[in-house]
Amino acid sequence: IIARVGVGLDNIDQDAAKAKNIRVINAVEGAITAVAELVIGLMLSMAREIPRVDREIRNGNWIKKEMMGSELKGKYLGIIGLGNIGKRLGRLARALNMNIIGYDAVPIDEEFSKEVGLMKSDLDTLLASSDYVSLHVPLLDSTKHMINAEKLRLMKKTAHIVNTSRGGVIDEEALYNALKDGNLASAALDVFEVEPATGNKLVNLSNFIATPHIGAQTKEAQSLAANVIAEKIIQLLRGVI
């Protein structure tokens, strides 16, 4: 048995495991709230430029008059991937009175759509219409660099993008150019194409926020994930799953 405490299984060769009769299980349930809450935190950080003002105060500068942030209320949040985490984010964002646009390659839960007033969309329309975009997709051949230079050009210059899923779904070179040239307001990444992301040139941009793949790094998420894994192992040994 291989137990994965996390969301995705793309870093495990499942075909090789199957060939050796090794069962692979994970605890996707553990990270749902932690990742969704991190996205909300990153969006608030971008909306109010919290990292910037923190740095300025630490450097002895009081820039209150320069700062004019924006509220999340009333803004359009485009969620790419409406699995467990995407839906949790949608519910949290709806509680903040955001408008939710959704895109997924698979059918979206109708009950959830009604619950949050979800506007279903194709990917291009979502990107062109959203003030904030959050990615929640696995890294597959079909999702590799799904957000590239062409897609970034569809977004508003005032828009923001967050990725807490897998680093490879965004073309980081294209993202860097969009941020540097002022064609995108800001971006926040918790995941990178190469990790650890030390030395990544994105961190040199003032309109970029980086976190070190901490989406599931909460006490509550890790405790829940451990319990879920233990329960699944027991069920597996009993032949239930």
Foldseek 3Di string as FASTA:
>chain_A
DAEAEEADDPVPPVVVCVVVVHDYYYQNVLLQVLLLVVVVVVVVCLQFVVVVCVVQVVVVHDPVVVTDGDAQAAFEEEEEDCDSNSLSNLVVSLVSNYAYEYEYPDDDDPVSCVVNVYHYDHLLVSQLRGQEYEYADEDDPVQFQCPALVSLLSHALNHEYEYLHEARSHDVVSVQVCQVVSVHQAYEYCYHPDPPCPPPCSVVGSRYHYHPSCSSVDPRSSVSRVVVSVVVVVCVVVVND
